[in-house]
Amino acid sequence: MHHKKYVKLAPNDYEVWSEWTLDYKQYEYPNDYEKVKKLIVDNLEEKLVPEKFRELNKQNKLFGHCYHATQALYYFFVDAKLKIMSASCQGPAEHHWWLQDADNNILDVTAEQYDAFDFDPPYQKGKESKWYGWKNRPHRKTQKLMNKIQPESKLYFKQYLDRPKKVY
């Protein structure tokens, strides 16, 4: 799993100058789903939560973790071809992320965060989505979480070009 960094050479012309790579072991879906869900939940840390959600996360351990927890689940089962789903939601989170399998079963690592609210996850409004960020690459938080879950995995950095200078 690669998190590549790009330098813009010209309009619509980018080159990879470095990347973070995680070599890890995939799990089997659906056999390992409950095991992997528990591994993800057990390894969530406040530092992975966006700063604006950290106070809420102190009372609700799963709050603010849906994106990177869902992305980790997706990559641990990448060969299962799960659908990435998201929707705007009520409450302070503004947006929620989860996966669905080919039979439309909902796979939501952080669904229990909604137990603290008077409303349910926004599954009925969900749309198939792409990951945030440049070229839909995995987030570094996701790589760090997955590496913590699988300490035998290898997370490493490669640099191909000198670090580009910011010109703006």
Protein backbone atom coordinates (compact mmCIF):
# COMPACT_ATOMS: atom_id res chain seq x y z
CA MET A 1 0.00 0.00 0.00
CA HIS A 2 1.57 3.25 -1.19
CA HIS A 3 1.17 6.87 -0.11
CA LYS A 4 2.97 8.71 -2.88
CA LYS A 5 4.07 12.34 -2.79
CA TYR A 6 3.99 14.27 -6.06
CA VAL A 7 5.72 17.31 -7.48
CA LYS A 8 3.97 19.34 -10.16
CA LEU A 9 6.22 19.75 -13.19
CA ALA A 10 3.71 21.53 -15.41
CA PRO A 11 -0.08 21.76 -15.70
CA ASN A 12 -1.41 18.20 -15.50
CA ASP A 13 2.11 16.81 -15.26
CA TYR A 14 3.15 15.33 -11.91
CA GLU A 15 6.02 13.13 -10.85
CA VAL A 16 6.40 10.99 -7.73
CA TRP A 17 9.24 12.37 -5.61
CA SER A 18 8.77 10.06 -2.60
CA GLU A 19 6.43 7.55 -1.03
CA TRP A 20 5.55 5.82 2.20
CA THR A 21 4.93 2.11 1.66
CA LEU A 22 3.29 -0.39 3.98
CA ASP A 23 3.92 -4.07 3.30
CA TYR A 24 1.28 -5.94 5.29
CA LYS A 25 -0.74 -9.14 5.39
CA GLN A 26 -4.30 -9.10 4.09
CA TYR A 27 -7.07 -10.93 5.88
CA GLU A 28 -9.89 -13.06 4.43
CA TYR A 29 -13.33 -11.55 4.13
CA PRO A 30 -15.82 -12.48 5.53
CA ASN A 31 -14.07 -15.05 7.77
CA ASP A 32 -11.81 -12.55 9.54
CA TYR A 33 -14.21 -9.58 9.69
CA GLU A 34 -14.99 -9.63 13.43
CA LYS A 35 -11.34 -10.25 14.30
CA VAL A 36 -10.12 -7.35 12.14
CA LYS A 37 -12.87 -5.03 13.37
CA LYS A 38 -11.78 -5.71 16.96
CA LEU A 39 -8.10 -5.20 16.10
CA ILE A 40 -8.88 -1.83 14.55
CA VAL A 41 -11.07 -0.65 17.46
CA ASP A 42 -8.52 -1.84 20.03
CA ASN A 43 -5.74 0.14 18.34
CA LEU A 44 -7.48 3.49 17.82
CA GLU A 45 -5.75 6.42 19.50
CA GLU A 46 -6.85 9.98 20.16
CA LYS A 47 -3.91 11.33 18.13
CA LEU A 48 -5.50 9.86 14.97
CA VAL A 49 -8.65 11.96 15.47
CA PRO A 50 -8.78 15.38 13.77
CA GLU A 51 -8.10 18.07 16.39
CA LYS A 52 -11.57 19.59 16.11
CA PHE A 53 -13.09 16.28 17.29
CA ARG A 54 -10.67 15.35 20.10
CA GLU A 55 -12.80 16.70 22.97
CA LEU A 56 -15.79 14.64 21.80
CA ASN A 57 -13.53 11.62 21.35
CA LYS A 58 -12.64 11.73 25.05
CA GLN A 59 -16.26 10.80 25.92
CA ASN A 60 -16.88 8.61 22.85
CA LYS A 61 -13.84 6.47 21.96
CA LEU A 62 -15.00 5.78 18.39
CA PHE A 63 -15.98 9.36 17.52
CA GLY A 64 -13.76 10.90 14.84
CA HIS A 65 -12.24 7.60 13.73
CA CYS A 66 -14.63 6.51 10.97
CA TYR A 67 -12.48 7.57 8.01
CA HIS A 68 -9.11 5.98 8.88
CA ALA A 69 -10.75 2.98 10.60
CA THR A 70 -12.84 2.33 7.48
CA GLN A 71 -9.86 2.84 5.21
CA ALA A 72 -7.82 0.35 7.26
CA LEU A 73 -10.65 -2.20 7.03
CA TYR A 74 -10.83 -1.66 3.27
CA TYR A 75 -7.11 -2.31 2.76
CA PHE A 76 -7.01 -5.30 5.12
CA PHE A 77 -9.71 -6.82 2.85
CA VAL A 78 -8.65 -5.14 -0.40
CA ASP A 79 -9.13 -8.31 -2.47
CA ALA A 80 -12.79 -8.54 -1.32
CA LYS A 81 -13.65 -5.54 -3.54
CA LEU A 82 -15.72 -3.82 -0.86
CA LYS A 83 -17.56 -0.61 -1.74
CA ILE A 84 -16.50 2.61 -0.03
CA MET A 85 -19.59 4.41 1.26
CA SER A 86 -20.11 7.79 2.87
CA ALA A 87 -22.84 10.29 3.68
CA SER A 88 -23.37 13.54 5.48
CA CYS A 89 -24.79 12.96 8.93
CA GLN A 90 -26.47 14.67 11.84
CA GLY A 91 -24.45 15.87 14.75
CA PRO A 92 -20.96 17.18 15.14
CA ALA A 93 -19.19 14.70 12.82
CA GLU A 94 -20.70 16.13 9.62
CA HIS A 95 -19.77 13.02 7.56
CA HIS A 96 -19.63 9.26 8.12
CA TRP A 97 -17.73 6.46 6.32
CA TRP A 98 -18.29 2.68 6.11
CA LEU A 99 -18.00 -0.21 3.62
CA GLN A 100 -20.51 -2.49 1.94
CA ASP A 101 -19.88 -5.93 0.48
CA ALA A 102 -21.35 -7.38 -2.72
CA ASP A 103 -24.50 -8.41 -0.80
CA ASN A 104 -24.87 -4.85 0.56
CA ASN A 105 -23.98 -5.90 4.11
CA ILE A 106 -22.83 -2.84 6.03
CA LEU A 107 -19.33 -3.06 7.53
CA ASP A 108 -18.97 -0.19 9.97
CA VAL A 109 -16.08 -0.34 12.43
CA THR A 110 -17.25 2.76 14.31
CA ALA A 111 -21.04 2.31 14.22
CA GLU A 112 -21.20 2.11 18.03
CA GLN A 113 -20.23 5.79 18.27
CA TYR A 114 -23.87 6.50 17.38
CA ASP A 115 -25.05 4.86 20.63
CA ALA A 116 -24.18 8.18 22.31
CA PHE A 117 -26.54 10.14 20.03
CA ASP A 118 -30.29 10.23 19.39
CA PHE A 119 -29.89 9.27 15.74
CA ASP A 120 -28.53 6.42 13.66
CA PRO A 121 -25.68 6.26 11.15
CA PRO A 122 -26.73 7.75 7.78
CA TYR A 123 -26.71 4.48 5.82
CA GLN A 124 -29.94 5.31 3.96
CA LYS A 125 -28.26 8.41 2.46
CA GLY A 126 -25.00 6.64 1.65
CA LYS A 127 -23.37 6.88 -1.74
CA GLU A 128 -20.47 4.98 -3.18
CA SER A 129 -17.44 7.22 -2.66
CA LYS A 130 -13.74 7.62 -3.27
CA TRP A 131 -11.15 8.29 -0.60
CA TYR A 132 -10.30 11.88 0.22
CA GLY A 133 -7.04 13.28 -0.99
CA TRP A 134 -4.81 13.38 -3.98
CA LYS A 135 -5.34 10.42 -6.31
CA ASN A 136 -7.43 8.65 -3.63
CA ARG A 137 -4.25 7.47 -1.95
CA PRO A 138 -4.38 5.92 1.53
CA HIS A 139 -3.82 8.37 4.35
CA ARG A 140 -0.70 8.22 6.47
CA LYS A 141 -2.90 7.84 9.58
CA THR A 142 -4.30 4.68 8.02
CA GLN A 143 -0.83 3.30 7.33
CA LYS A 144 0.25 4.02 10.92
CA LEU A 145 -2.89 2.36 12.32
CA MET A 146 -2.40 -0.73 10.14
CA ASN A 147 1.28 -0.93 11.10
CA LYS A 148 0.31 -0.77 14.78
CA ILE A 149 -2.22 -3.57 14.26
CA GLN A 150 0.38 -5.69 12.44
CA PRO A 151 3.74 -4.93 14.09
CA GLU A 152 5.36 -7.47 11.74
CA SER A 153 4.34 -5.32 8.76
CA LYS A 154 6.95 -3.03 7.25
CA LEU A 155 6.35 0.73 6.95
CA TYR A 156 9.12 2.53 5.13
CA PHE A 157 9.95 5.71 3.21
CA LYS A 158 11.62 5.98 -0.21
CA GLN A 159 12.80 9.21 -1.78
CA TYR A 160 13.31 9.31 -5.55
CA LEU A 161 14.06 13.00 -6.07
CA ASP A 162 15.26 15.86 -3.90
CA ARG A 163 12.42 17.30 -1.88
CA PRO A 164 10.73 19.91 -4.10
CA LYS A 165 10.76 23.50 -2.93
CA LYS A 166 7.42 25.24 -2.42
CA VAL A 167 7.09 27.99 -4.99
CA TYR A 168 3.86 29.68 -3.86
